[in-house]
Amino acid sequence: MLGTFVKTSDWFNGRRMCQVEEGLFLGSYGDACYKDRLKSSNVTHILTVANLAPAFPGDFVYKVVDVTDTEETHIGQHFEECINFIDEARRQGGSILVHCLWGVSRRSFPCSIVHLHEQFDY
């Protein structure tokens, strides 16, 4: 049901995943629902930062981190598992899409953590 909405929604259709650095992409659930685009970008792993079911569980390696988009959410408790998943994808030579539902607030969290981890050994 949500996948159908995503593929027909003007909000999602106008957005595209963006490459942050080699092998690391940011996007929305809409991006995670376009298998051809994922494959052409060589995405092998998908980190979902929301309570959303994987769209293609047999085609990509998934990690779903159930994070709600509220002020009360303590997103920091998920730092380590996100870093570990991203690191594992890179060690395997893969590329990763990090996304939440709308591709706005939660999706950048893991990428920010990766940057801190790499730059400052945080």
Protein backbone atom coordinates (compact mmCIF):
# COMPACT_ATOMS: atom_id res chain seq x y z
CA MET A 1 0.00 0.00 0.00
CA LEU A 2 2.67 2.52 1.02
CA GLY A 3 4.82 1.47 -1.95
CA THR A 4 2.00 2.37 -4.35
CA PHE A 5 1.61 5.77 -2.70
CA VAL A 6 5.34 6.35 -2.87
CA LYS A 7 5.55 5.63 -6.59
CA THR A 8 2.63 7.94 -7.42
CA SER A 9 3.27 10.76 -4.98
CA ASP A 10 4.54 14.07 -6.38
CA TRP A 11 6.60 14.46 -3.20
CA PHE A 12 8.59 11.30 -3.88
CA ASN A 13 8.70 11.56 -7.67
CA GLY A 14 10.47 14.92 -7.54
CA ARG A 15 13.18 13.66 -5.21
CA ARG A 16 16.17 11.51 -6.00
CA MET A 17 18.72 9.85 -3.80
CA CYS A 18 21.99 11.73 -3.67
CA GLN A 19 25.51 10.44 -3.37
CA VAL A 20 27.23 11.80 -0.28
CA GLU A 21 30.55 10.12 -0.95
CA GLU A 22 31.80 7.05 -2.77
CA GLY A 23 29.43 4.19 -1.97
CA LEU A 24 27.14 6.19 0.35
CA PHE A 25 23.74 7.52 -0.72
CA LEU A 26 20.97 9.42 1.09
CA GLY A 27 17.34 9.12 0.07
CA SER A 28 13.73 8.46 0.93
CA TYR A 29 11.55 5.38 1.05
CA GLY A 30 10.62 6.25 -2.52
CA ASP A 31 14.24 5.76 -3.56
CA ALA A 32 14.32 2.42 -1.74
CA CYS A 33 11.34 1.28 -3.85
CA TYR A 34 13.04 1.74 -7.25
CA LYS A 35 15.04 -1.44 -7.77
CA ASP A 36 16.42 -0.41 -11.17
CA ARG A 37 17.79 2.87 -9.79
CA LEU A 38 19.33 1.08 -6.81
CA LYS A 39 20.95 -1.54 -9.04
CA SER A 40 22.26 1.06 -11.52
CA SER A 41 23.86 2.92 -8.58
CA ASN A 42 25.43 -0.36 -7.39
CA VAL A 43 23.59 -0.24 -4.06
CA THR A 44 24.00 -3.54 -2.21
CA HIS A 45 22.91 -2.55 1.31
CA ILE A 46 19.98 -0.48 2.57
CA LEU A 47 19.81 1.13 6.01
CA THR A 48 16.23 2.07 6.85
CA VAL A 49 15.92 4.56 9.71
CA ALA A 50 12.17 4.10 10.26
CA ASN A 51 9.69 1.32 10.88
CA LEU A 52 9.36 0.29 7.23
CA ALA A 53 9.47 -3.17 5.70
CA PRO A 54 12.18 -3.88 3.10
CA ALA A 55 10.86 -3.53 -0.45
CA PHE A 56 13.18 -6.16 -1.99
CA PRO A 57 14.44 -8.42 0.81
CA GLY A 58 15.94 -10.97 -1.58
CA ASP A 59 17.91 -8.43 -3.59
CA PHE A 60 19.64 -6.24 -0.99
CA VAL A 61 21.05 -6.58 2.51
CA TYR A 62 18.81 -4.64 4.90
CA LYS A 63 19.10 -3.17 8.36
CA VAL A 64 15.92 -1.61 9.75
CA VAL A 65 16.39 0.71 12.72
CA ASP A 66 12.96 1.52 14.14
CA VAL A 67 13.32 5.23 14.89
CA THR A 68 10.26 7.45 15.19
CA ASP A 69 10.44 11.08 14.11
CA THR A 70 9.51 12.73 17.42
CA GLU A 71 11.21 15.06 19.88
CA GLU A 72 11.19 12.30 22.49
CA THR A 73 13.21 9.90 20.34
CA HIS A 74 16.74 9.25 21.58
CA ILE A 75 18.34 8.59 18.23
CA GLY A 76 21.84 8.40 19.70
CA GLN A 77 21.18 4.94 21.07
CA HIS A 78 21.37 3.66 17.49
CA PHE A 79 24.81 5.14 16.61
CA GLU A 80 26.80 1.96 16.96
CA GLU A 81 24.48 -0.37 15.04
CA CYS A 82 24.26 2.11 12.14
CA ILE A 83 28.02 2.59 11.97
CA ASN A 84 28.57 -1.17 12.12
CA PHE A 85 26.13 -1.81 9.27
CA ILE A 86 27.66 0.90 7.08
CA ASP A 87 31.19 -0.31 7.85
CA GLU A 88 30.22 -3.90 7.03
CA ALA A 89 28.78 -2.83 3.67
CA ARG A 90 31.99 -0.99 2.85
CA ARG A 91 34.21 -3.90 3.94
CA GLN A 92 32.26 -6.10 1.52
CA GLY A 93 32.87 -3.59 -1.29
CA GLY A 94 29.22 -2.58 -1.41
CA SER A 95 27.36 0.69 -1.67
CA ILE A 96 24.67 1.70 0.78
CA LEU A 97 21.47 3.73 0.67
CA VAL A 98 20.48 5.34 3.97
CA HIS A 99 16.87 6.43 4.07
CA CYS A 100 13.88 7.23 6.26
CA LEU A 101 10.29 7.66 5.09
CA TRP A 102 10.29 11.11 3.55
CA GLY A 103 14.04 11.54 3.13
CA VAL A 104 14.19 14.64 5.29
CA SER A 105 15.16 14.39 8.96
CA ARG A 106 16.21 10.91 10.09
CA ARG A 107 18.11 9.84 6.99
CA SER A 108 21.08 12.14 7.58
CA PHE A 109 21.69 10.86 11.11
CA PRO A 110 23.71 7.73 10.18
CA CYS A 111 25.75 9.61 7.57
CA SER A 112 26.61 12.30 10.11
CA ILE A 113 27.73 9.59 12.48
CA VAL A 114 29.89 8.00 9.78
CA HIS A 115 31.53 11.37 9.15
CA LEU A 116 32.26 11.90 12.86
CA HIS A 117 33.53 8.35 13.15
CA GLU A 118 35.90 8.67 10.19
CA GLN A 119 37.12 12.22 10.79
CA PHE A 120 37.47 12.25 14.55
CA ASP A 121 37.41 8.57 15.53
CA TYR A 122 34.29 9.45 17.54
